[in-house]
C-alpha atoms as a PDB file:
ATOM      1  CA  MET A   1     -13.917  34.623 -96.367  1.00  0.00           C
ATOM      2  CA  ASP A   2     -14.428  35.682 -99.982  1.00  0.00           C
ATOM      3  CA  GLU A   3     -12.415  34.384-102.924  1.00  0.00           C
ATOM      4  CA  SER A   4     -10.451  37.583-103.524  1.00  0.00           C
ATOM      5  CA  HIS A   5      -9.278  37.545 -99.922  1.00  0.00           C
ATOM      6  CA  TRP A   6      -8.262  33.884-100.308  1.00  0.00           C
ATOM      7  CA  ASN A   7      -6.232  34.542-103.460  1.00  0.00           C
ATOM      8  CA  ALA A   8      -4.522  37.567-101.973  1.00  0.00           C
ATOM      9  CA  THR A   9      -3.452  35.769 -98.836  1.00  0.00           C
ATOM     10  CA  VAL A  10      -2.253  32.680-100.699  1.00  0.00           C
ATOM     11  CA  THR A  11      -0.126  34.853-102.951  1.00  0.00           C
ATOM     12  CA  THR A  12       1.491  36.815-100.135  1.00  0.00           C
ATOM     13  CA  PHE A  13       1.996  34.002 -97.646  1.00  0.00           C
ATOM     14  CA  ASN A  14       5.599  32.814 -97.962  1.00  0.00           C
ATOM     15  CA  GLY A  15       7.872  30.452 -96.091  1.00  0.00           C
ATOM     16  CA  ASN A  16       8.502  32.945 -93.312  1.00  0.00           C
ATOM     17  CA  ALA A  17       4.779  33.218 -92.657  1.00  0.00           C
ATOM     18  CA  VAL A  18       4.504  29.442 -92.429  1.00  0.00           C
ATOM     19  CA  LYS A  19       7.322  29.424 -89.867  1.00  0.00           C
ATOM     20  CA  GLU A  20       5.602  32.196 -87.931  1.00  0.00           C
ATOM     21  CA  ALA A  21       2.333  30.252 -87.983  1.00  0.00           C
ATOM     22  CA  VAL A  22       3.984  27.111 -86.634  1.00  0.00           C
ATOM     23  CA  ASN A  23       5.468  29.042 -83.716  1.00  0.00           C
ATOM     24  CA  ASN A  24       2.264  30.911 -82.888  1.00  0.00           C
ATOM     25  CA  THR A  25       0.625  29.609 -79.703  1.00  0.00           C
ATOM     26  CA  HIS A  26      -2.823  31.056 -80.462  1.00  0.00           C
ATOM     27  CA  PRO A  27      -5.384  30.319 -83.219  1.00  0.00           C
ATOM     28  CA  LEU A  28      -4.706  32.620 -86.141  1.00  0.00           C
ATOM     29  CA  GLY A  29      -7.209  34.686 -88.072  1.00  0.00           C
ATOM     30  CA  ASP A  30      -8.685  33.817 -91.442  1.00  0.00           C
ATOM     31  CA  SER A  31      -5.897  35.288 -93.540  1.00  0.00           C
ATOM     32  CA  ARG A  32      -3.296  33.189 -91.707  1.00  0.00           C
ATOM     33  CA  ALA A  33      -5.222  30.013 -91.039  1.00  0.00           C
ATOM     34  CA  VAL A  34      -6.282  29.287 -94.614  1.00  0.00           C
ATOM     35  CA  SER A  35      -3.325  30.630 -96.560  1.00  0.00           C
ATOM     36  CA  VAL A  36      -0.547  28.213 -95.768  1.00  0.00           C
ATOM     37  CA  LYS A  37      -1.855  25.928 -98.521  1.00  0.00           C
ATOM     38  CA  GLU A  38       0.083  22.729 -99.219  1.00  0.00           C
ATOM     39  CA  THR A  39       3.223  23.801 -97.314  1.00  0.00           C
ATOM     40  CA  LEU A  40       1.383  23.127 -94.067  1.00  0.00           C
ATOM     41  CA  GLY A  41       2.855  20.111 -92.264  1.00  0.00           C
ATOM     42  CA  VAL A  42       1.701  18.164 -89.254  1.00  0.00           C
ATOM     43  CA  ALA A  43       3.034  20.642 -86.663  1.00  0.00           C
ATOM     44  CA  ALA A  44       1.611  23.654 -88.462  1.00  0.00           C
ATOM     45  CA  SER A  45      -1.744  21.925 -88.966  1.00  0.00           C
ATOM     46  CA  LEU A  46      -2.023  21.242 -85.253  1.00  0.00           C
ATOM     47  CA  ARG A  47      -0.839  24.718 -84.354  1.00  0.00           C
ATOM     48  CA  LEU A  48      -3.246  26.497 -86.688  1.00  0.00           C
ATOM     49  CA  HIS A  49      -6.291  24.289 -86.854  1.00  0.00           C
ATOM     50  CA  TRP A  50      -6.603  22.597 -83.476  1.00  0.00           C
ATOM     51  CA  PRO A  51      -9.767  24.584 -82.667  1.00  0.00           C
ATOM     52  CA  GLU A  52     -11.549  23.026 -85.658  1.00  0.00           C
ATOM     53  CA  TYR A  53     -10.397  19.531 -84.661  1.00  0.00           C
ATOM     54  CA  LEU A  54     -11.718  19.994 -81.134  1.00  0.00           C
ATOM     55  CA  MET A  55     -14.964  21.416 -82.474  1.00  0.00           C
ATOM     56  CA  GLU A  56     -15.527  18.326 -84.627  1.00  0.00           C
ATOM     57  CA  ALA A  57     -14.790  16.117 -81.630  1.00  0.00           C
ATOM     58  CA  GLY A  58     -17.193  18.106 -79.479  1.00  0.00           C
ATOM     59  CA  GLU A  59     -19.949  18.054 -82.100  1.00  0.00           C
ATOM     60  CA  ILE A  60     -19.856  14.303 -82.634  1.00  0.00           C
ATOM     61  CA  SER A  61     -19.569  13.713 -78.877  1.00  0.00           C
ATOM     62  CA  LEU A  62     -22.798  15.643 -78.410  1.00  0.00           C
ATOM     63  CA  PHE A  63     -24.334  13.845 -81.381  1.00  0.00           C
ATOM     64  CA  MET A  64     -23.564  10.405 -79.958  1.00  0.00           C
ATOM     65  CA  PHE A  65     -24.671  11.478 -76.485  1.00  0.00           C
ATOM     66  CA  CYS A  66     -28.031  12.470 -77.972  1.00  0.00           C
ATOM     67  CA  VAL A  67     -28.261   9.261 -80.026  1.00  0.00           C
ATOM     68  CA  CYS A  68     -27.693   7.101 -76.950  1.00  0.00           C
ATOM     69  CA  SER A  69     -29.991   9.222 -74.799  1.00  0.00           C
ATOM     70  CA  PHE A  70     -32.876   9.197 -77.270  1.00  0.00           C
ATOM     71  CA  ALA A  71     -32.405   5.481 -77.936  1.00  0.00           C
ATOM     72  CA  THR A  72     -32.543   4.814 -74.190  1.00  0.00           C
ATOM     73  CA  LEU A  73     -35.638   6.972 -73.782  1.00  0.00           C
ATOM     74  CA  LEU A  74     -37.452   5.158 -76.587  1.00  0.00           C
ATOM     75  CA  GLN A  75     -36.207   1.589 -76.090  1.00  0.00           C
ATOM     76  CA  HIS A  76     -35.258   0.961 -72.458  1.00  0.00           C
ATOM     77  CA  PRO A  77     -37.865  -1.141 -70.611  1.00  0.00           C
ATOM     78  CA  ALA A  78     -37.783   1.218 -67.620  1.00  0.00           C
ATOM     79  CA  SER A  79     -38.659   4.222 -69.782  1.00  0.00           C
ATOM     80  CA  PRO A  80     -42.300   5.359 -69.643  1.00  0.00           C
ATOM     81  CA  VAL A  81     -42.037   6.424 -73.274  1.00  0.00           C
ATOM     82  CA  ARG A  82     -41.268   2.828 -74.240  1.00  0.00           C
ATOM     83  CA  HIS A  83     -44.548   1.682 -72.670  1.00  0.00           C
ATOM     84  CA  PHE A  84     -46.569   4.603 -73.977  1.00  0.00           C
ATOM     85  CA  VAL A  85     -45.346   4.307 -77.589  1.00  0.00           C
ATOM     86  CA  ILE A  86     -45.614   0.627 -78.462  1.00  0.00           C
ATOM     87  CA  SER A  87     -45.349   0.918 -82.242  1.00  0.00           C
ATOM     88  CA  ASP A  88     -41.873   0.366 -83.700  1.00  0.00           C
ATOM     89  CA  ILE A  89     -42.520   2.680 -86.647  1.00  0.00           C
ATOM     90  CA  VAL A  90     -43.755   5.477 -84.385  1.00  0.00           C
ATOM     91  CA  ARG A  91     -40.671   5.131 -82.193  1.00  0.00           C
ATOM     92  CA  ARG A  92     -38.477   5.326 -85.294  1.00  0.00           C
ATOM     93  CA  VAL A  93     -40.334   8.450 -86.417  1.00  0.00           C
ATOM     94  CA  LEU A  94     -39.694  10.044 -83.026  1.00  0.00           C
ATOM     95  CA  MET A  95     -36.045   8.973 -83.122  1.00  0.00           C
ATOM     96  CA  GLY A  96     -35.686  10.361 -86.628  1.00  0.00           C
ATOM     97  CA  LEU A  97     -37.180  13.709 -85.675  1.00  0.00           C
ATOM     98  CA  ALA A  98     -34.969  13.949 -82.599  1.00  0.00           C
ATOM     99  CA  ILE A  99     -31.731  13.058 -84.401  1.00  0.00           C
ATOM    100  CA  GLY A 100     -32.576  15.085 -87.496  1.00  0.00           C
ATOM    101  CA  THR A 101     -33.150  18.152 -85.328  1.00  0.00           C
ATOM    102  CA  THR A 102     -29.922  17.459 -83.447  1.00  0.00           C
ATOM    103  CA  VAL A 103     -27.939  17.284 -86.693  1.00  0.00           C
ATOM    104  CA  MET A 104     -29.456  20.552 -87.938  1.00  0.00           C
ATOM    105  CA  ALA A 105     -28.629  22.263 -84.647  1.00  0.00           C
ATOM    106  CA  LEU A 106     -25.035  21.008 -84.699  1.00  0.00           C
ATOM    107  CA  ILE A 107     -24.418  22.176 -88.278  1.00  0.00           C
ATOM    108  CA  MET A 108     -25.872  25.608 -87.491  1.00  0.00           C
ATOM    109  CA  SER A 109     -24.087  25.962 -84.143  1.00  0.00           C
ATOM    110  CA  PRO A 110     -21.025  28.240 -83.885  1.00  0.00           C
ATOM    111  CA  TRP A 111     -18.789  25.164 -83.801  1.00  0.00           C
ATOM    112  CA  GLY A 112     -20.510  23.583 -86.792  1.00  0.00           C
ATOM    113  CA  LYS A 113     -20.262  26.792 -88.784  1.00  0.00           C
ATOM    114  CA  GLN A 114     -16.500  26.951 -88.220  1.00  0.00           C
ATOM    115  CA  SER A 115     -15.478  23.285 -88.456  1.00  0.00           C
ATOM    116  CA  GLY A 116     -17.834  22.512 -91.337  1.00  0.00           C
ATOM    117  CA  GLY A 117     -20.215  20.329 -89.358  1.00  0.00           C
ATOM    118  CA  HIS A 118     -19.103  17.073 -90.975  1.00  0.00           C
ATOM    119  CA  ILE A 119     -19.227  14.880 -87.824  1.00  0.00           C
ATOM    120  CA  ASN A 120     -18.488  12.049 -90.247  1.00  0.00           C
ATOM    121  CA  PRO A 121     -15.059  10.792 -91.390  1.00  0.00           C
ATOM    122  CA  ALA A 122     -16.524   9.402 -94.632  1.00  0.00           C
ATOM    123  CA  MET A 123     -17.776  12.869 -95.543  1.00  0.00           C
ATOM    124  CA  THR A 124     -14.469  14.450 -94.554  1.00  0.00           C
ATOM    125  CA  PHE A 125     -12.600  11.952 -96.737  1.00  0.00           C
ATOM    126  CA  ALA A 126     -14.895  12.702 -99.670  1.00  0.00           C
ATOM    127  CA  PHE A 127     -14.184  16.410 -99.294  1.00  0.00           C
ATOM    128  CA  TYR A 128     -10.476  15.590 -99.145  1.00  0.00           C
ATOM    129  CA  ARG A 129     -10.857  13.697-102.436  1.00  0.00           C
ATOM    130  CA  LEU A 130     -12.493  16.823-103.846  1.00  0.00           C
ATOM    131  CA  GLY A 131      -9.470  18.911-102.819  1.00  0.00           C
ATOM    132  CA  LYS A 132     -11.251  20.899-100.137  1.00  0.00           C
ATOM    133  CA  LEU A 133      -8.885  20.180 -97.247  1.00  0.00           C
ATOM    134  CA  ARG A 134      -5.299  19.137 -96.711  1.00  0.00           C
ATOM    135  CA  ALA A 135      -4.140  15.630 -95.858  1.00  0.00           C
ATOM    136  CA  TRP A 136      -3.189  16.444 -92.268  1.00  0.00           C
ATOM    137  CA  ASP A 137      -6.479  18.225 -91.684  1.00  0.00           C
ATOM    138  CA  ALA A 138      -8.384  15.203 -93.011  1.00  0.00           C
ATOM    139  CA  LEU A 139      -6.379  12.886 -90.756  1.00  0.00           C
ATOM    140  CA  PHE A 140      -6.873  14.977 -87.624  1.00  0.00           C
ATOM    141  CA  TYR A 141     -10.551  15.443 -88.408  1.00  0.00           C
ATOM    142  CA  GLY A 142     -10.880  11.660 -88.563  1.00  0.00           C
ATOM    143  CA  VAL A 143      -9.053  11.170 -85.263  1.00  0.00           C
ATOM    144  CA  ALA A 144     -11.262  13.810 -83.650  1.00  0.00           C
ATOM    145  CA  GLN A 145     -14.446  12.255 -85.032  1.00  0.00           C
ATOM    146  CA  PHE A 146     -13.674   8.698 -83.910  1.00  0.00           C
ATOM    147  CA  SER A 147     -12.481   9.895 -80.496  1.00  0.00           C
ATOM    148  CA  GLY A 148     -15.456  12.176 -80.052  1.00  0.00           C
ATOM    149  CA  ALA A 149     -17.942   9.438 -80.936  1.00  0.00           C
ATOM    150  CA  THR A 150     -16.456   7.115 -78.334  1.00  0.00           C
ATOM    151  CA  ILE A 151     -16.447   9.862 -75.699  1.00  0.00           C
ATOM    152  CA  GLY A 152     -20.083  10.663 -76.444  1.00  0.00           C
ATOM    153  CA  VAL A 153     -21.161   7.059 -75.836  1.00  0.00           C
ATOM    154  CA  ALA A 154     -19.095   6.938 -72.628  1.00  0.00           C
ATOM    155  CA  LEU A 155     -20.658  10.158 -71.338  1.00  0.00           C
ATOM    156  CA  ALA A 156     -24.182   8.918 -72.056  1.00  0.00           C
ATOM    157  CA  THR A 157     -23.432   5.650 -70.287  1.00  0.00           C
ATOM    158  CA  LEU A 158     -21.982   7.470 -67.280  1.00  0.00           C
ATOM    159  CA  LEU A 159     -24.728  10.087 -66.935  1.00  0.00           C
ATOM    160  CA  LEU A 160     -27.542   7.623 -67.595  1.00  0.00           C
ATOM    161  CA  ARG A 161     -26.054   5.156 -65.101  1.00  0.00           C
ATOM    162  CA  GLY A 162     -25.416   2.381 -67.559  1.00  0.00           C
ATOM    163  CA  ALA A 163     -28.881   2.380 -69.114  1.00  0.00           C
ATOM    164  CA  PRO A 164     -27.590   2.580 -72.728  1.00  0.00           C
ATOM    165  CA  GLY A 165     -25.866  -0.771 -72.121  1.00  0.00           C
ATOM    166  CA  ASP A 166     -29.178  -2.577 -71.629  1.00  0.00           C
ATOM    167  CA  SER A 167     -29.826  -5.344 -74.153  1.00  0.00           C
ATOM    168  CA  THR A 168     -32.761  -3.399 -75.592  1.00  0.00           C
ATOM    169  CA  VAL A 169     -30.565  -0.369 -76.338  1.00  0.00           C
ATOM    170  CA  ARG A 170     -27.030  -1.772 -76.811  1.00  0.00           C
ATOM    171  CA  TYR A 171     -25.457   1.696 -76.892  1.00  0.00           C
ATOM    172  CA  ALA A 172     -27.511   2.484 -80.041  1.00  0.00           C
ATOM    173  CA  VAL A 173     -25.329   0.099 -82.041  1.00  0.00           C
ATOM    174  CA  THR A 174     -25.848  -0.163 -85.797  1.00  0.00           C
ATOM    175  CA  ALA A 175     -26.107  -3.728 -87.072  1.00  0.00           C
ATOM    176  CA  PRO A 176     -27.544  -5.533 -90.115  1.00  0.00           C
ATOM    177  CA  GLY A 177     -31.270  -6.246 -89.956  1.00  0.00           C
ATOM    178  CA  VAL A 178     -33.214  -9.385 -90.723  1.00  0.00           C
ATOM    179  CA  TYR A 179     -32.116  -9.384 -94.378  1.00  0.00           C
ATOM    180  CA  GLY A 180     -28.448  -9.845 -93.537  1.00  0.00           C
ATOM    181  CA  ALA A 181     -25.093  -8.224 -94.199  1.00  0.00           C
ATOM    182  CA  ALA A 182     -25.378  -7.936 -97.983  1.00  0.00           C
ATOM    183  CA  VAL A 183     -28.585  -5.912 -97.821  1.00  0.00           C
ATOM    184  CA  ALA A 184     -27.162  -3.800 -95.000  1.00  0.00           C
ATOM    185  CA  PHE A 185     -24.071  -3.038 -97.075  1.00  0.00           C
ATOM    186  CA  ALA A 186     -26.143  -2.065-100.110  1.00  0.00           C
ATOM    187  CA  ALA A 187     -28.453   0.077 -97.995  1.00  0.00           C
ATOM    188  CA  GLU A 188     -25.559   1.914 -96.333  1.00  0.00           C
ATOM    189  CA  LEU A 189     -23.944   2.450 -99.713  1.00  0.00           C
ATOM    190  CA  ALA A 190     -27.153   3.944-101.111  1.00  0.00           C
ATOM    191  CA  ILE A 191     -28.070   6.257 -98.240  1.00  0.00           C
ATOM    192  CA  SER A 192     -24.475   7.487 -97.921  1.00  0.00           C
ATOM    193  CA  PHE A 193     -24.414   8.293-101.632  1.00  0.00           C
ATOM    194  CA  ILE A 194     -27.709  10.161-101.323  1.00  0.00           C
ATOM    195  CA  LEU A 195     -26.498  12.146 -98.318  1.00  0.00           C
ATOM    196  CA  MET A 196     -23.231  13.216 -99.943  1.00  0.00           C
ATOM    197  CA  ILE A 197     -24.679  14.080-103.349  1.00  0.00           C
ATOM    198  CA  THR A 198     -27.396  16.090-101.611  1.00  0.00           C
ATOM    199  CA  VAL A 199     -24.807  18.004 -99.586  1.00  0.00           C
ATOM    200  CA  LEU A 200     -22.756  18.778-102.681  1.00  0.00           C
ATOM    201  CA  LEU A 201     -25.687  19.820-104.862  1.00  0.00           C
ATOM    202  CA  VAL A 202     -27.395  21.927-102.218  1.00  0.00           C
ATOM    203  CA  THR A 203     -24.319  23.679-100.795  1.00  0.00           C
ATOM    204  CA  ASN A 204     -23.261  24.657-104.324  1.00  0.00           C
ATOM    205  CA  HIS A 205     -26.661  25.985-105.355  1.00  0.00           C
ATOM    206  CA  ASP A 206     -27.088  29.743-105.129  1.00  0.00           C
ATOM    207  CA  ARG A 207     -30.563  29.693-103.629  1.00  0.00           C
ATOM    208  CA  LEU A 208     -30.502  26.423-101.688  1.00  0.00           C
ATOM    209  CA  ALA A 209     -27.114  26.652 -99.947  1.00  0.00           C
ATOM    210  CA  ARG A 210     -28.508  28.385 -96.874  1.00  0.00           C
ATOM    211  CA  TYR A 211     -30.947  25.512 -96.372  1.00  0.00           C
ATOM    212  CA  ALA A 212     -28.317  22.750 -96.432  1.00  0.00           C
ATOM    213  CA  PRO A 213     -28.620  21.964 -92.694  1.00  0.00           C
ATOM    214  CA  TYR A 214     -32.352  21.374 -93.155  1.00  0.00           C
ATOM    215  CA  PHE A 215     -31.765  19.042 -96.097  1.00  0.00           C
ATOM    216  CA  VAL A 216     -29.218  17.038 -94.110  1.00  0.00           C
ATOM    217  CA  GLY A 217     -31.377  16.871 -90.991  1.00  0.00           C
ATOM    218  CA  SER A 218     -34.383  15.804 -93.053  1.00  0.00           C
ATOM    219  CA  LEU A 219     -32.408  12.981 -94.663  1.00  0.00           C
ATOM    220  CA  TYR A 220     -31.378  11.737 -91.229  1.00  0.00           C
ATOM    221  CA  ALA A 221     -35.006  11.784 -90.086  1.00  0.00           C
ATOM    222  CA  VAL A 222     -36.294   9.943 -93.151  1.00  0.00           C
ATOM    223  CA  ASN A 223     -33.509   7.360 -93.138  1.00  0.00           C
ATOM    224  CA  ILE A 224     -33.889   6.591 -89.436  1.00  0.00           C
ATOM    225  CA  THR A 225     -37.624   6.108 -89.948  1.00  0.00           C
ATOM    226  CA  PHE A 226     -37.499   3.854 -92.982  1.00  0.00           C
ATOM    227  CA  GLU A 227     -33.965   2.463 -93.413  1.00  0.00           C
ATOM    228  CA  THR A 228     -33.151   1.454 -89.815  1.00  0.00           C
ATOM    229  CA  PRO A 229     -34.602  -2.089 -90.182  1.00  0.00           C
ATOM    230  CA  LEU A 230     -32.104  -2.781 -92.989  1.00  0.00           C
ATOM    231  CA  SER A 231     -28.786  -1.661 -91.481  1.00  0.00           C
ATOM    232  CA  GLY A 232     -29.442   0.334 -88.330  1.00  0.00           C
ATOM    233  CA  MET A 233     -28.907   3.573 -90.295  1.00  0.00           C
ATOM    234  CA  SER A 234     -25.344   4.782 -89.845  1.00  0.00           C
ATOM    235  CA  MET A 235     -23.870   6.517 -92.926  1.00  0.00           C
ATOM    236  CA  ASN A 236     -20.965   7.244 -90.612  1.00  0.00           C
ATOM    237  CA  PRO A 237     -17.983   5.049 -89.593  1.00  0.00           C
ATOM    238  CA  ALA A 238     -17.434   7.022 -86.378  1.00  0.00           C
ATOM    239  CA  ARG A 239     -21.112   6.802 -85.402  1.00  0.00           C
ATOM    240  CA  THR A 240     -20.854   2.992 -85.601  1.00  0.00           C
ATOM    241  CA  PHE A 241     -17.392   2.823 -84.018  1.00  0.00           C
ATOM    242  CA  GLY A 242     -18.420   4.588 -80.794  1.00  0.00           C
ATOM    243  CA  PRO A 243     -21.029   2.015 -79.699  1.00  0.00           C
ATOM    244  CA  ALA A 244     -18.884  -0.851 -81.034  1.00  0.00           C
ATOM    245  CA  ALA A 245     -15.862   0.263 -79.008  1.00  0.00           C
ATOM    246  CA  TYR A 246     -17.857   0.622 -75.834  1.00  0.00           C
ATOM    247  CA  GLY A 247     -20.030  -2.469 -76.231  1.00  0.00           C
ATOM    248  CA  GLY A 248     -17.672  -4.782 -78.117  1.00  0.00           C
ATOM    249  CA  TYR A 249     -19.825  -5.117 -81.236  1.00  0.00           C
ATOM    250  CA  TRP A 250     -17.120  -5.762 -83.826  1.00  0.00           C
ATOM    251  CA  GLN A 251     -18.639  -8.490 -86.016  1.00  0.00           C
ATOM    252  CA  THR A 252     -19.996  -6.327 -88.849  1.00  0.00           C
ATOM    253  CA  LEU A 253     -18.008  -3.153 -88.289  1.00  0.00           C
ATOM    254  CA  TRP A 254     -16.451  -3.507 -91.761  1.00  0.00           C
ATOM    255  CA  ILE A 255     -19.820  -2.772 -93.378  1.00  0.00           C
ATOM    256  CA  TYR A 256     -20.046   0.633 -91.750  1.00  0.00           C
ATOM    257  CA  PHE A 257     -16.447   1.535 -92.527  1.00  0.00           C
ATOM    258  CA  ILE A 258     -16.500   0.554 -96.184  1.00  0.00           C
ATOM    259  CA  ALA A 259     -20.037   1.214 -97.442  1.00  0.00           C
ATOM    260  CA  PRO A 260     -20.430   4.854 -96.270  1.00  0.00           C
ATOM    261  CA  THR A 261     -16.923   5.744 -97.440  1.00  0.00           C
ATOM    262  CA  VAL A 262     -17.402   4.196-100.871  1.00  0.00           C
ATOM    263  CA  GLY A 263     -20.881   5.668-101.205  1.00  0.00           C
ATOM    264  CA  MET A 264     -19.668   9.192-100.471  1.00  0.00           C
ATOM    265  CA  LEU A 265     -16.626   8.848-102.720  1.00  0.00           C
ATOM    266  CA  VAL A 266     -18.886   7.720-105.573  1.00  0.00           C
ATOM    267  CA  ALA A 267     -21.107  10.715-104.881  1.00  0.00           C
ATOM    268  CA  ALA A 268     -18.063  13.000-105.053  1.00  0.00           C
ATOM    269  CA  GLU A 269     -17.021  11.501-108.409  1.00  0.00           C
ATOM    270  CA  THR A 270     -20.585  11.806-109.701  1.00  0.00           C
ATOM    271  CA  PHE A 271     -20.687  15.458-108.686  1.00  0.00           C
ATOM    272  CA  LEU A 272     -17.422  16.157-110.517  1.00  0.00           C
ATOM    273  CA  ARG A 273     -18.713  14.458-113.656  1.00  0.00           C
ATOM    274  CA  MET A 274     -21.955  16.415-113.498  1.00  0.00           C
ATOM    275  CA  ARG A 275     -19.939  19.633-113.382  1.00  0.00           C
ATOM    276  CA  ARG A 276     -17.277  18.424-115.821  1.00  0.00           C
ATOM    277  CA  GLY A 277     -14.525  18.532-113.190  1.00  0.00           C
ATOM    278  CA  ALA A 278     -15.503  21.763-111.452  1.00  0.00           C
ATOM    279  CA  ALA A 279     -14.896  21.313-107.718  1.00  0.00           C
ATOM    280  CA  PRO A 280     -17.384  22.404-105.046  1.00  0.00           C
ATOM    281  CA  TYR A 281     -16.948  25.812-103.483  1.00  0.00           C
ATOM    282  CA  CYS A 282     -16.102  24.742 -99.945  1.00  0.00           C
ATOM    283  CA  ALA A 283     -16.377  21.854 -97.459  1.00  0.00           C
ATOM    284  CA  ARG A 284     -18.627  23.598 -94.963  1.00  0.00           C
ATOM    285  CA  LEU A 285     -22.240  22.529 -94.706  1.00  0.00           C
ATOM    286  CA  HIS A 286     -23.260  26.031 -93.631  1.00  0.00           C
ATOM    287  CA  HIS A 287     -21.675  28.852 -95.617  1.00  0.00           C
ATOM    288  CA  ALA A 288     -23.803  31.798 -94.498  1.00  0.00           C
ATOM    289  CA  ASN A 289     -21.640  32.859 -91.579  1.00  0.00           C
ATOM    290  CA  HIS A 290     -18.524  34.847 -90.786  1.00  0.00           C
ATOM    291  CA  GLU A 291     -16.543  32.194 -88.915  1.00  0.00           C
ATOM    292  CA  ARG A 292     -13.023  31.497 -90.142  1.00  0.00           C
ATOM    293  CA  CYS A 293     -12.715  28.757 -92.763  1.00  0.00           C
ATOM    294  CA  ILE A 294      -9.728  26.403 -93.080  1.00  0.00           C
ATOM    295  CA  PHE A 295     -10.928  24.779 -96.312  1.00  0.00           C
ATOM    296  CA  HIS A 296      -9.824  25.424 -99.877  1.00  0.00           C
ATOM    297  CA  HIS A 297     -12.274  27.608-101.777  1.00  0.00           C
ATOM    298  CA  THR A 298     -13.122  27.219-105.439  1.00  0.00           C
ATOM    299  CA  PRO A 299     -14.764  30.084-107.342  1.00  0.00           C
ATOM    300  CA  SER A 300     -18.375  29.365-108.228  1.00  0.00           C
ATOM    301  CA  LEU A 301     -19.038  28.824-111.926  1.00  0.00           C
ATOM    302  CA  PRO A 302     -21.082  31.518-113.648  1.00  0.00           C
ATOM    303  CA  LYS A 303     -24.678  30.317-114.003  1.00  0.00           C
ATOM    304  CA  ARG A 304     -24.567  30.193-117.785  1.00  0.00           C
ATOM    305  CA  GLU A 305     -21.394  28.079-117.789  1.00  0.00           C
ATOM    306  CA  ARG A 306     -22.671  25.812-115.018  1.00  0.00           C
ATOM    307  CA  TYR A 307     -25.900  25.091-116.877  1.00  0.00           C
ATOM    308  CA  ALA A 308     -24.015  24.554-120.126  1.00  0.00           C
ATOM    309  CA  ASN A 309     -21.690  22.035-118.491  1.00  0.00           C
ATOM    310  CA  ALA A 310     -24.570  20.162-116.884  1.00  0.00           C
ATOM    311  CA  SER A 311     -26.373  19.827-120.236  1.00  0.00           C
ATOM    312  CA  ARG A 312     -23.417  18.387-122.133  1.00  0.00           C
END
């Protein structure tokens, strides 16, 4: 939805329209769904935006199902791939390619185009800090993401007959490597910062925005290949919570809740400082589509002004 449409609907949407939206039993169109602005409460948020919440839950469920499935294929002792590919680094390369491709596909799927394709509560919270979505939407996105991650692990365990629970797979849990918790925390902080700043810079670049899913997927692939020995490569509290909830791995969960969230918040603050307070355009990772958008839109800065701000 373009900016002029956004402004027009925000201006004309009054209290009666909010009441009508709350009582509507079907998902509303763009002009209704995004124009209730800050008057939207918990009931209205659920009434209007439940499709996006379910989409996020579905996306991260599929993501975690794929993570557990690929981890089982590459690590389980009964897997022929495990015996054919004996090198740890080669297995991580294969895992990175598989998960990176999965992430790209999810972001570019119809669900990912509409919900934003976050599949990550730390990223959602960073976009909330940037003013791109309302408090209730951020909360329900988080609930959907944590629930979806747990469901994804459960489905993989059920369909693979318990194989992800083997000691060689451990539900694809993320845990500190041989260098300990401090290094794992620092590594998660760094890769989460890099992911979020990349998302913000690319999605707000005129020529690069359409390639954002490829940037994100590539970062996943590279990080899984090279960073996994340090922290297990999470960048995502929900991604770590799913295996922990199913397998009971709670000892270092705090690392994967705090470090990715702080890293992405720092990236958001850095982005604002780089643009002298100018917020990003939207919270979707794939803008080139015509799906409805529930996020706040900010007009793009003219190129001359943007470059002037960046050089100050």
